[in-house]
Amino acid sequence: MLVQNSDSSPGVYVAGTELGSAEGRLVHQPDHPLADADGYVRYPDIDLGDQMSQLILAQRGYQASAGIVDRARATYEAALQIGRS
């Protein structure tokens, strides 16, 4: 997943996805229960550290956007209270 800052509005958006190789990566682990006849195990071709970093960036962007909405609402409510007084 690719996350980018939005130029037109506050926050972030998902710009696209990156897919790993469909074949995955081979790791030599002859004692693994899923190893083939040559002792290799096929794992997904995904960098979990990078995926978690992108996920955290997206979460922080969402939290920032939600905070802006809450602060704007509080400001508008304060302005309405001033107008009522």
Protein backbone atom coordinates (compact mmCIF):
# COMPACT_ATOMS: atom_id res chain seq x y z
CA MET A 1 0.00 0.00 0.00
CA LEU A 2 1.32 3.43 -0.91
CA VAL A 3 0.23 6.32 1.30
CA GLN A 4 0.67 9.96 0.28
CA ASN A 5 -0.23 13.35 1.68
CA SER A 6 -3.11 15.07 -0.02
CA ASP A 7 -2.40 18.46 -1.61
CA SER A 8 -6.04 19.53 -1.82
CA SER A 9 -7.24 18.48 1.64
CA PRO A 10 -5.69 17.66 5.01
CA GLY A 11 -4.75 14.06 5.65
CA VAL A 12 -3.50 11.20 3.57
CA TYR A 13 -4.92 8.86 1.00
CA VAL A 14 -4.04 5.50 -0.47
CA ALA A 15 -2.17 6.14 -3.70
CA GLY A 16 -1.88 2.54 -4.79
CA THR A 17 -0.77 -0.91 -3.86
CA GLU A 18 2.43 -2.84 -4.38
CA LEU A 19 2.09 -6.53 -4.98
CA GLY A 20 4.94 -8.93 -4.39
CA SER A 21 5.91 -11.71 -6.70
CA ALA A 22 3.20 -14.33 -7.13
CA GLU A 23 5.87 -17.01 -6.81
CA GLY A 24 7.02 -15.74 -3.42
CA ARG A 25 10.49 -16.37 -2.07
CA LEU A 26 12.15 -19.66 -1.30
CA VAL A 27 13.87 -20.26 2.03
CA HIS A 28 15.90 -23.38 2.74
CA GLN A 29 14.43 -24.95 5.88
CA PRO A 30 14.65 -28.73 5.59
CA ASP A 31 13.19 -29.31 9.08
CA HIS A 32 10.02 -27.25 8.36
CA PRO A 33 6.85 -29.37 8.07
CA LEU A 34 5.86 -27.64 4.81
CA ALA A 35 9.26 -28.05 3.12
CA ASP A 36 9.31 -29.61 -0.33
CA ALA A 37 11.50 -32.54 -1.34
CA ASP A 38 14.56 -30.25 -1.68
CA GLY A 39 13.99 -28.69 1.78
CA TYR A 40 12.66 -25.33 0.58
CA VAL A 41 9.65 -23.48 1.99
CA ARG A 42 7.84 -20.85 -0.06
CA TYR A 43 7.01 -17.62 1.81
CA PRO A 44 5.03 -14.59 0.61
CA ASP A 45 7.14 -11.92 -1.07
CA ILE A 46 6.00 -9.14 1.27
CA ASP A 47 8.07 -6.82 3.44
CA LEU A 48 6.04 -6.78 6.65
CA GLY A 49 8.08 -3.96 8.16
CA ASP A 50 7.28 -1.70 5.22
CA GLN A 51 3.61 -2.71 5.30
CA MET A 52 3.37 -1.89 9.01
CA SER A 53 5.06 1.48 8.44
CA GLN A 54 2.57 2.35 5.72
CA LEU A 55 -0.31 1.20 7.91
CA ILE A 56 0.86 3.38 10.81
CA LEU A 57 1.22 6.37 8.45
CA ALA A 58 -2.33 5.89 7.22
CA GLN A 59 -3.61 5.55 10.78
CA ARG A 60 -1.83 8.72 11.92
CA GLY A 61 -3.19 10.62 8.92
CA TYR A 62 -6.71 9.49 9.73
CA GLN A 63 -6.27 10.50 13.38
CA ALA A 64 -5.00 13.93 12.32
CA SER A 65 -7.96 14.44 9.98
CA ALA A 66 -10.43 13.35 12.65
CA GLY A 67 -8.78 15.75 15.11
CA ILE A 68 -9.15 18.64 12.67
CA VAL A 69 -12.85 17.89 12.27
CA ASP A 70 -13.32 17.77 16.06
CA ARG A 71 -11.50 21.08 16.55
CA ALA A 72 -13.49 22.75 13.77
CA ARG A 73 -16.75 21.51 15.30
CA ALA A 74 -15.73 22.84 18.74
CA THR A 75 -14.82 26.21 17.19
CA TYR A 76 -18.16 26.47 15.40
CA GLU A 77 -20.03 25.54 18.57
CA ALA A 78 -18.11 28.23 20.50
CA ALA A 79 -18.97 30.79 17.81
CA LEU A 80 -22.64 29.85 18.06
CA GLN A 81 -22.55 30.23 21.84
CA ILE A 82 -21.00 33.68 21.46
CA GLY A 83 -23.72 34.60 18.95
CA ARG A 84 -26.45 33.45 21.35
CA SER A 85 -25.08 35.58 24.19
